[in-house]
Amino acid sequence: YYTWEDGVKNIGSVNSRNQGFYLQDAWRVNSRLTLNLGIRFESEFLPPYKALVNNRKVANPINFDWASKIAPRVGGAWDVLGDGKWKVYGSYGLFYDVLKYEIARGSFGSDFWVTHVYRLDSANIFSLGKATPGALGSEITSYDNRTLPINAQGEIEGIDPDLKPYSLREFTFGADHSLTSRLIAGVRYTRKDLRRAIEDIGVLDEEGSEVYLTGNPGYGQTRDTKSVYGQKTPDGKEFLVPKAVRQYDAAEFRLQGQTRNLSLIGSYTWSRLYGNYSGAANSDESGRSDPGVSRAFDLPYYYFDATGSQKNVLGRLGTDRPHTFKFFGSYEMRSKAGVSTLGLNQIAYSGTPDSTSIIFLSAPTFPYGRADLGRTPVMTQTDLSFMHDFKVSERMHVKFDVNVFNLFNQATVLARTTQMNRSGAISDAA
């Protein structure tokens, strides 16, 4: 026999409802202190793509009420000496994301493909084509690879009942100082922490099939000490699904100034992007953009390195660039022919981490931890711009604008493929 798979098909209508309202107030406590206070409330539901399964109504799989997504915000600025030359400021806030359609499309009934099993009555496989899948024999059976399991309550199975929204918190603190009336220096520290992610989390059952739960990695049923998605854990111990971690720390030093003709702003930022989860676009899979259904947390093998420890769970993530320098300057020239502006933009970024990876069941794992191969080269780029504005009449101006990107044609390696094996191979028959 042989099998023939239809391509992935999409069915059903796309709809969701995300509502929100917020309260915000700016309070000037005194002449030197101002506070910005706010709070945001949101509700969200993401319905299934199939309203009915076997003539049974399907309940909404994702439904966050108004109490689930409460986001306070607070910020303030203080004139330290009261003369406007020193300003200290800070802010704190919680932020919630909305679910993307990818997770619902793949798990709630839209994506499906059918496998057909045919008798192999002839060995002439080259006679097969898109229009003739059954050319070598009659069909024995077929099965849907994405059946939608519904429990007795009409709910889609495989969704953690304790699912919490995707959220992060952010803290910022900084200070600005007027060196002169036209030159300002500033420093700012920012910390961003992922609180909870939402992913499809997988284990292998007794038959070697992947069993998935849509949940928060490291919370809810993924920390159940008795069972995992209906599968018993070894010796009744806790199943090792680590929390989704993404921490961003950055310290920025900035200088900006202006004269009558010259404007400039320059900054240097030290930062660290650390964790085991890069987010909606998975840098561990070359930037794969399938929010909520990447290979992150799909199988336990991805959590360990070659020694069996969890060293590779946490490390510098794929888009980490510890040092970044940015400069922009412009010079304005006025004449009877109009106003000309010459601009220069220069950046210099650290390279991104290089990590030895092994493909296991179509997903990468890091046997020697993250960034064991160092980094890609430093990335630099110079851009030049020129603009001329001349007056045609009292009511008409004509602007001529030229932008030259990567002026010196600088070429830099942005990523490397460092896999030690392949997930598959393709051969051409002659």
Protein backbone atom coordinates (compact mmCIF):
# COMPACT_ATOMS: atom_id res chain seq x y z
CA TYR A 1 0.00 0.00 0.00
CA TYR A 2 1.00 3.62 -0.22
CA THR A 3 -0.29 6.83 1.35
CA TRP A 4 -1.21 10.13 -0.23
CA GLU A 5 -1.76 13.27 1.85
CA ASP A 6 -3.89 16.18 0.76
CA GLY A 7 -2.34 19.57 1.36
CA VAL A 8 -3.37 21.54 4.42
CA LYS A 9 -6.77 23.12 3.88
CA ASN A 10 -8.49 25.92 5.76
CA ILE A 11 -12.19 26.04 6.46
CA GLY A 12 -14.49 28.06 8.68
CA SER A 13 -14.99 31.75 9.33
CA VAL A 14 -12.56 34.00 11.17
CA ASN A 15 -13.90 36.11 13.99
CA SER A 16 -13.03 37.20 17.48
CA ARG A 17 -13.93 39.99 19.84
CA ASN A 18 -11.46 42.06 21.82
CA GLN A 19 -12.83 44.90 23.89
CA GLY A 20 -11.10 47.30 26.23
CA PHE A 21 -11.48 50.53 28.10
CA TYR A 22 -9.10 52.50 30.28
CA LEU A 23 -9.01 55.29 32.83
CA GLN A 24 -6.13 57.75 32.77
CA ASP A 25 -5.24 60.87 34.68
CA ALA A 26 -2.31 63.27 34.88
CA TRP A 27 -1.91 64.65 38.39
CA ARG A 28 0.39 67.58 39.03
CA VAL A 29 1.15 67.07 42.70
CA ASN A 30 3.14 70.30 42.90
CA SER A 31 5.27 72.49 40.67
CA ARG A 32 8.05 69.87 40.55
CA LEU A 33 6.23 66.50 40.56
CA THR A 34 3.77 65.12 38.00
CA LEU A 35 2.17 61.68 38.09
CA ASN A 36 0.47 59.79 35.27
CA LEU A 37 -1.91 57.12 36.57
CA GLY A 38 -4.01 54.70 34.60
CA ILE A 39 -5.68 51.32 34.50
CA ARG A 40 -6.87 49.30 31.51
CA PHE A 41 -9.50 46.55 31.37
CA GLU A 42 -9.87 44.11 28.49
CA SER A 43 -12.01 41.13 27.54
CA GLU A 44 -11.33 38.65 24.76
CA PHE A 45 -12.81 35.55 23.27
CA LEU A 46 -11.64 33.47 20.36
CA PRO A 47 -14.33 31.07 19.07
CA PRO A 48 -13.78 27.76 17.30
CA TYR A 49 -13.69 27.59 13.52
CA LYS A 50 -16.27 24.82 13.60
CA ALA A 51 -19.49 25.83 15.31
CA LEU A 52 -20.81 22.27 15.19
CA VAL A 53 -19.04 18.90 15.49
CA ASN A 54 -21.23 15.82 15.02
CA ASN A 55 -24.27 18.10 15.35
CA ARG A 56 -23.04 19.31 18.74
CA LYS A 57 -22.39 22.97 19.46
CA VAL A 58 -18.76 23.73 20.27
CA ALA A 59 -18.12 26.05 23.22
CA ASN A 60 -15.73 28.98 22.93
CA PRO A 61 -12.25 27.58 23.63
CA ILE A 62 -10.67 30.89 24.69
CA ASN A 63 -12.68 33.31 26.79
CA PHE A 64 -10.99 35.90 29.03
CA ASP A 65 -13.47 38.03 30.98
CA TRP A 66 -12.98 41.59 32.21
CA ALA A 67 -11.38 40.41 35.46
CA SER A 68 -8.74 38.39 33.61
CA LYS A 69 -6.93 41.28 31.96
CA ILE A 70 -6.51 44.20 34.36
CA ALA A 71 -3.47 46.31 33.53
CA PRO A 72 -2.41 49.11 35.92
CA ARG A 73 -0.02 51.80 34.70
CA VAL A 74 1.84 54.37 36.76
CA GLY A 75 4.46 56.91 35.76
CA GLY A 76 5.98 60.06 37.10
CA ALA A 77 8.47 62.87 36.45
CA TRP A 78 10.29 64.99 39.03
CA ASP A 79 12.09 68.29 38.50
CA VAL A 80 14.91 67.67 40.97
CA LEU A 81 16.15 71.23 41.55
CA GLY A 82 13.12 73.12 40.35
CA ASP A 83 15.07 74.91 37.62
CA GLY A 84 14.19 72.54 34.74
CA LYS A 85 17.77 71.29 34.32
CA TRP A 86 17.43 67.88 36.03
CA LYS A 87 14.53 65.52 35.42
CA VAL A 88 14.09 62.08 36.95
CA TYR A 89 11.31 59.87 35.65
CA GLY A 90 10.02 56.33 35.87
CA SER A 91 7.10 54.10 34.95
CA TYR A 92 5.65 50.67 35.66
CA GLY A 93 2.97 48.79 33.77
CA LEU A 94 1.37 45.45 32.97
CA PHE A 95 0.59 44.69 29.34
CA TYR A 96 -1.57 41.96 27.80
CA ASP A 97 -1.39 40.61 24.27
CA VAL A 98 -4.31 39.27 22.24
CA LEU A 99 -4.21 35.77 20.77
CA LYS A 100 -3.31 35.50 17.12
CA TYR A 101 -5.40 33.42 14.73
CA GLU A 102 -2.60 30.93 14.09
CA ILE A 103 -3.22 28.96 17.28
CA ALA A 104 -6.97 28.85 16.69
CA ARG A 105 -6.64 28.05 13.01
CA GLY A 106 -4.35 25.10 13.69
CA SER A 107 -5.98 23.74 16.83
CA PHE A 108 -9.65 24.76 16.75
CA GLY A 109 -10.87 23.20 13.55
CA SER A 110 -9.72 25.19 10.51
CA ASP A 111 -6.52 23.42 9.44
CA PHE A 112 -7.04 19.85 8.34
CA TRP A 113 -5.50 17.39 5.94
CA VAL A 114 -6.58 13.92 4.98
CA THR A 115 -4.34 10.88 4.52
CA HIS A 116 -5.55 8.39 1.86
CA VAL A 117 -4.29 4.80 1.86
CA TYR A 118 -4.24 3.04 -1.54
CA ARG A 119 -3.42 -0.48 -2.68
CA LEU A 120 -0.06 -0.67 -4.41
CA ASP A 121 -1.02 -2.75 -7.48
CA SER A 122 1.73 -1.30 -9.66
CA ALA A 123 5.31 -0.24 -8.96
CA ASN A 124 5.22 2.53 -11.58
CA ILE A 125 5.30 5.35 -9.03
CA PHE A 126 6.23 7.91 -11.69
CA SER A 127 2.68 7.71 -13.03
CA LEU A 128 1.42 9.43 -9.89
CA GLY A 129 0.50 13.08 -10.15
CA LYS A 130 -1.59 15.70 -8.42
CA ALA A 131 -4.62 14.73 -10.48
CA THR A 132 -4.07 10.95 -10.17
CA PRO A 133 -3.34 10.07 -6.52
CA GLY A 134 -5.08 6.69 -6.89
CA ALA A 135 -3.45 5.68 -10.18
CA LEU A 136 -1.69 2.61 -8.69
CA GLY A 137 -4.62 1.00 -6.88
CA SER A 138 -7.97 1.39 -5.20
CA GLU A 139 -8.41 3.31 -1.95
CA ILE A 140 -8.37 1.22 1.23
CA THR A 141 -9.21 3.93 3.77
CA SER A 142 -8.67 7.58 4.66
CA TYR A 143 -8.45 9.53 7.89
CA ASP A 144 -8.46 13.17 9.00
CA ASN A 145 -5.21 14.21 10.69
CA ARG A 146 -6.83 17.10 12.55
CA THR A 147 -10.01 15.75 14.10
CA LEU A 148 -11.47 18.10 16.70
CA PRO A 149 -11.94 16.26 20.03
CA ILE A 150 -15.03 17.43 21.94
CA ASN A 151 -15.83 16.39 25.51
CA ALA A 152 -19.25 15.78 27.08
CA GLN A 153 -19.64 19.47 27.88
CA GLY A 154 -19.12 20.48 24.25
CA GLU A 155 -15.65 21.86 24.96
CA ILE A 156 -12.57 21.35 22.81
CA GLU A 157 -10.20 19.05 24.65
CA GLY A 158 -6.55 19.91 25.14
CA ILE A 159 -7.02 23.42 26.56
CA ASP A 160 -5.88 24.07 30.11
CA PRO A 161 -8.96 25.17 32.11
CA ASP A 162 -6.66 27.42 34.15
CA LEU A 163 -5.29 29.20 31.05
CA LYS A 164 -4.21 32.79 31.75
CA PRO A 165 -3.69 35.59 29.19
CA TYR A 166 -0.35 36.29 27.52
CA SER A 167 1.19 39.10 29.58
CA LEU A 168 4.38 40.96 30.47
CA ARG A 169 5.46 43.70 32.84
CA GLU A 170 7.74 46.63 32.13
CA PHE A 171 9.69 48.96 34.40
CA THR A 172 11.60 52.05 33.27
CA PHE A 173 13.70 54.54 35.20
CA GLY A 174 15.73 57.42 33.81
CA ALA A 175 17.20 60.88 34.22
CA ASP A 176 17.81 63.80 31.83
CA HIS A 177 20.13 66.75 32.36
CA SER A 178 20.40 69.97 30.37
CA LEU A 179 24.13 70.53 29.96
CA THR A 180 23.39 73.75 28.09
CA SER A 181 20.23 75.31 26.72
CA ARG A 182 20.74 73.29 23.53
CA LEU A 183 22.46 70.08 24.72
CA ILE A 184 20.75 67.35 26.77
CA ALA A 185 22.26 64.17 28.20
CA GLY A 186 20.17 61.28 29.44
CA VAL A 187 20.36 57.79 30.88
CA ARG A 188 17.55 55.23 31.00
CA TYR A 189 17.17 51.71 32.35
CA THR A 190 14.43 49.36 31.12
CA ARG A 191 13.41 45.91 32.34
CA LYS A 192 10.82 43.79 30.53
CA ASP A 193 9.70 40.43 31.91
CA LEU A 194 7.42 37.90 30.28
CA ARG A 195 4.89 36.82 32.91
CA ARG A 196 3.05 34.10 30.97
CA ALA A 197 3.14 32.84 27.41
CA ILE A 198 0.51 30.76 25.60
CA GLU A 199 1.81 27.82 23.55
CA ASP A 200 0.80 24.36 22.44
CA ILE A 201 2.82 22.15 24.80
CA GLY A 202 3.56 18.56 23.83
CA VAL A 203 4.49 15.17 25.23
CA LEU A 204 4.74 11.74 23.64
CA ASP A 205 2.16 9.09 24.60
CA GLU A 206 2.77 5.35 24.85
CA GLU A 207 2.46 4.97 21.07
CA GLY A 208 4.93 7.72 20.32
CA SER A 209 2.30 10.20 19.15
CA GLU A 210 2.50 13.83 20.18
CA VAL A 211 -0.20 14.92 22.63
CA TYR A 212 -0.72 18.65 22.99
CA LEU A 213 -2.11 21.04 25.56
CA THR A 214 -2.80 24.71 24.88
CA GLY A 215 -1.67 26.39 28.07
CA ASN A 216 0.87 28.51 29.91
CA PRO A 217 4.26 26.72 29.97
CA GLY A 218 5.25 26.05 33.56
CA TYR A 219 1.78 26.73 34.98
CA GLY A 220 -1.54 24.93 35.32
CA GLN A 221 -1.67 21.38 34.04
CA THR A 222 1.96 21.48 32.90
CA ARG A 223 2.91 21.41 36.60
CA ASP A 224 0.45 18.64 37.49
CA THR A 225 2.24 16.06 39.65
CA LYS A 226 -0.28 13.31 38.91
CA SER A 227 -0.66 13.30 35.14
CA VAL A 228 0.19 15.23 32.02
CA TYR A 229 -2.66 15.68 29.54
CA GLY A 230 -3.97 12.28 30.60
CA GLN A 231 -0.52 10.64 30.48
CA LYS A 232 1.04 9.36 33.71
CA THR A 233 4.39 10.85 34.67
CA PRO A 234 7.33 8.60 35.61
CA ASP A 235 7.17 7.63 39.27
CA GLY A 236 4.42 10.20 39.80
CA LYS A 237 6.96 13.02 39.74
CA GLU A 238 6.35 16.49 38.43
CA PHE A 239 6.57 16.78 34.64
CA LEU A 240 9.45 19.04 33.65
CA VAL A 241 7.89 21.80 31.55
CA PRO A 242 9.92 24.93 32.34
CA LYS A 243 8.32 28.33 32.55
CA ALA A 244 8.51 30.47 29.44
CA VAL A 245 11.23 33.01 30.25
CA ARG A 246 12.10 36.13 28.26
CA GLN A 247 13.88 38.89 30.15
CA TYR A 248 15.13 42.09 28.56
CA ASP A 249 17.44 44.46 30.43
CA ALA A 250 18.82 47.59 28.80
CA ALA A 251 20.74 50.68 29.88
CA GLU A 252 20.76 53.52 27.35
CA PHE A 253 23.03 56.57 27.36
CA ARG A 254 21.86 59.37 25.08
CA LEU A 255 23.14 62.78 23.97
CA GLN A 256 21.17 65.15 21.78
CA GLY A 257 21.69 68.74 20.79
CA GLN A 258 20.68 71.40 18.34
CA THR A 259 21.99 74.69 17.01
CA ARG A 260 20.47 76.89 14.37
CA ASN A 261 21.71 74.68 11.53
CA LEU A 262 22.89 71.44 13.14
CA SER A 263 20.87 68.71 14.90
CA LEU A 264 22.31 65.50 16.32
CA ILE A 265 21.36 62.61 18.53
CA GLY A 266 23.60 59.75 19.55
CA SER A 267 23.03 56.80 21.85
CA TYR A 268 24.77 53.73 23.20
CA THR A 269 22.74 50.84 24.66
CA TRP A 270 23.93 47.87 26.65
CA SER A 271 21.29 45.14 26.76
CA ARG A 272 20.66 41.49 27.51
CA LEU A 273 17.88 39.34 26.05
CA TYR A 274 17.82 36.19 28.12
CA GLY A 275 15.57 33.18 28.54
CA ASN A 276 14.24 30.11 26.77
CA TYR A 277 11.41 31.62 24.72
CA SER A 278 11.87 34.24 22.02
CA GLY A 279 8.17 35.03 21.54
CA ALA A 280 5.73 35.19 18.65
CA ALA A 281 8.51 34.86 16.06
CA ASN A 282 10.76 31.98 17.13
CA SER A 283 14.44 32.82 16.57
CA ASP A 284 15.30 29.21 17.49
CA GLU A 285 13.55 28.25 14.25
CA SER A 286 15.10 30.96 12.07
CA GLY A 287 12.38 33.47 12.87
CA ARG A 288 9.40 31.19 12.26
CA SER A 289 6.28 33.31 12.73
CA ASP A 290 3.53 30.98 13.94
CA PRO A 291 2.45 32.61 17.21
CA GLY A 292 1.48 30.10 19.87
CA VAL A 293 2.25 26.99 17.81
CA SER A 294 6.01 27.09 17.34
CA ARG A 295 8.19 24.14 18.33
CA ALA A 296 8.98 25.78 21.68
CA PHE A 297 7.84 23.48 24.54
CA ASP A 298 6.62 20.82 22.11
CA LEU A 299 8.66 17.92 23.52
CA PRO A 300 10.76 17.37 26.67
CA TYR A 301 13.89 16.66 24.61
CA TYR A 302 14.19 20.35 23.76
CA TYR A 303 14.74 21.32 27.40
CA PHE A 304 18.03 19.47 27.94
CA ASP A 305 21.61 19.66 26.77
CA ALA A 306 24.00 16.79 26.03
CA THR A 307 24.79 16.25 29.71
CA GLY A 308 21.13 15.81 30.65
CA SER A 309 21.07 19.03 32.64
CA GLN A 310 18.85 21.99 31.83
CA LYS A 311 21.65 24.41 31.05
CA ASN A 312 20.31 25.21 27.61
CA VAL A 313 16.85 26.11 28.91
CA LEU A 314 18.09 29.59 29.82
CA GLY A 315 20.59 31.60 27.81
CA ARG A 316 21.07 34.47 25.39
CA LEU A 317 18.22 34.36 22.88
CA GLY A 318 18.74 34.42 19.14
CA THR A 319 18.21 38.18 18.62
CA ASP A 320 20.35 39.31 21.57
CA ARG A 321 22.71 42.18 20.65
CA PRO A 322 24.51 43.38 23.82
CA HIS A 323 25.99 46.57 22.36
CA THR A 324 24.26 48.97 19.97
CA PHE A 325 25.42 52.40 18.86
CA LYS A 326 23.22 54.81 16.92
CA PHE A 327 23.95 58.28 15.58
CA PHE A 328 21.88 60.63 13.50
CA GLY A 329 22.88 64.11 12.43
CA SER A 330 21.48 66.66 10.02
CA TYR A 331 22.77 70.01 8.74
CA GLU A 332 20.47 72.64 7.27
CA MET A 333 21.62 75.11 4.63
CA ARG A 334 19.46 78.10 3.63
CA SER A 335 19.81 80.13 0.47
CA LYS A 336 17.73 82.05 -2.03
CA ALA A 337 17.23 78.76 -3.90
CA GLY A 338 15.52 77.21 -0.86
CA VAL A 339 16.42 75.03 2.10
CA SER A 340 18.76 72.05 1.78
CA THR A 341 19.21 69.41 4.49
CA LEU A 342 22.00 66.85 4.59
CA GLY A 343 21.52 63.89 6.92
CA LEU A 344 23.79 61.09 8.13
CA ASN A 345 22.67 57.93 9.95
CA GLN A 346 25.17 55.46 11.44
CA ILE A 347 24.54 52.25 13.36
CA ALA A 348 26.84 49.59 14.84
CA TYR A 349 25.36 46.47 16.49
CA SER A 350 26.90 43.46 18.20
CA GLY A 351 26.47 40.16 16.41
CA THR A 352 23.79 37.65 17.41
CA PRO A 353 24.48 34.35 19.22
CA ASP A 354 25.62 31.27 17.32
CA SER A 355 24.49 27.96 18.80
CA THR A 356 25.15 24.36 17.83
CA SER A 357 21.75 22.78 17.15
CA ILE A 358 20.47 19.31 16.46
CA ILE A 359 17.15 18.72 14.73
CA PHE A 360 15.07 16.19 16.62
CA LEU A 361 11.53 15.46 15.40
CA SER A 362 11.65 18.58 13.18
CA ALA A 363 12.66 20.99 15.94
CA PRO A 364 16.01 22.32 17.21
CA THR A 365 17.64 21.50 20.53
CA PHE A 366 20.98 22.81 21.77
CA PRO A 367 23.32 20.03 23.00
CA TYR A 368 26.05 22.44 24.17
CA GLY A 369 23.84 25.25 25.43
CA ARG A 370 23.10 28.57 23.79
CA ALA A 371 25.79 30.74 22.12
CA ASP A 372 28.48 28.03 22.38
CA LEU A 373 29.85 29.10 18.95
CA GLY A 374 30.20 32.76 19.80
CA ARG A 375 28.48 35.42 17.71
CA THR A 376 28.04 36.62 14.16
CA PRO A 377 30.19 39.63 13.14
CA VAL A 378 29.45 43.17 14.21
CA MET A 379 26.83 44.76 12.00
CA THR A 380 27.45 48.32 10.74
CA GLN A 381 25.59 50.45 8.26
CA THR A 382 25.84 54.04 7.03
CA ASP A 383 22.92 55.84 5.40
CA LEU A 384 22.95 59.26 3.74
CA SER A 385 20.05 61.54 2.88
CA PHE A 386 19.67 64.84 1.06
CA MET A 387 16.55 66.97 0.83
CA HIS A 388 15.98 70.29 -0.94
CA ASP A 389 12.84 72.34 -0.47
CA PHE A 390 12.30 75.36 -2.66
CA LYS A 391 9.46 77.80 -2.79
CA VAL A 392 7.53 78.09 -6.06
CA SER A 393 4.87 80.51 -4.81
CA GLU A 394 3.26 81.59 -1.57
CA ARG A 395 1.08 78.46 -1.61
CA MET A 396 3.37 75.95 -3.30
CA HIS A 397 6.63 74.27 -2.32
CA VAL A 398 8.51 71.55 -4.21
CA LYS A 399 10.61 69.04 -2.28
CA PHE A 400 13.41 66.92 -3.76
CA ASP A 401 14.44 63.99 -1.57
CA VAL A 402 17.22 61.39 -2.00
CA ASN A 403 18.03 58.53 0.40
CA VAL A 404 21.09 56.32 0.01
CA PHE A 405 20.86 53.22 2.20
CA ASN A 406 24.04 51.33 3.08
CA LEU A 407 26.24 53.98 1.51
CA PHE A 408 29.46 51.92 1.62
CA ASN A 409 27.79 48.65 0.60
CA GLN A 410 28.75 46.99 3.86
CA ALA A 411 27.97 43.25 3.90
CA THR A 412 27.57 41.42 7.19
CA VAL A 413 26.58 37.86 8.06
CA LEU A 414 23.28 38.09 9.96
CA ALA A 415 22.71 34.40 10.71
CA ARG A 416 24.36 31.03 10.28
CA THR A 417 22.95 27.53 9.90
CA THR A 418 24.69 25.44 12.55
CA GLN A 419 22.66 22.24 12.50
CA MET A 420 24.60 19.01 12.98
CA ASN A 421 21.95 16.93 11.22
CA ARG A 422 18.99 17.29 8.89
CA SER A 423 15.32 16.70 9.57
CA GLY A 424 14.82 15.22 6.09
CA ALA A 425 16.24 14.92 2.61
CA ILE A 426 14.87 15.42 -0.90
CA SER A 427 16.14 13.44 -3.85
CA ASP A 428 15.37 13.87 -7.54
CA ALA A 429 14.45 10.76 -9.52
CA ALA A 430 15.92 10.56 -13.02
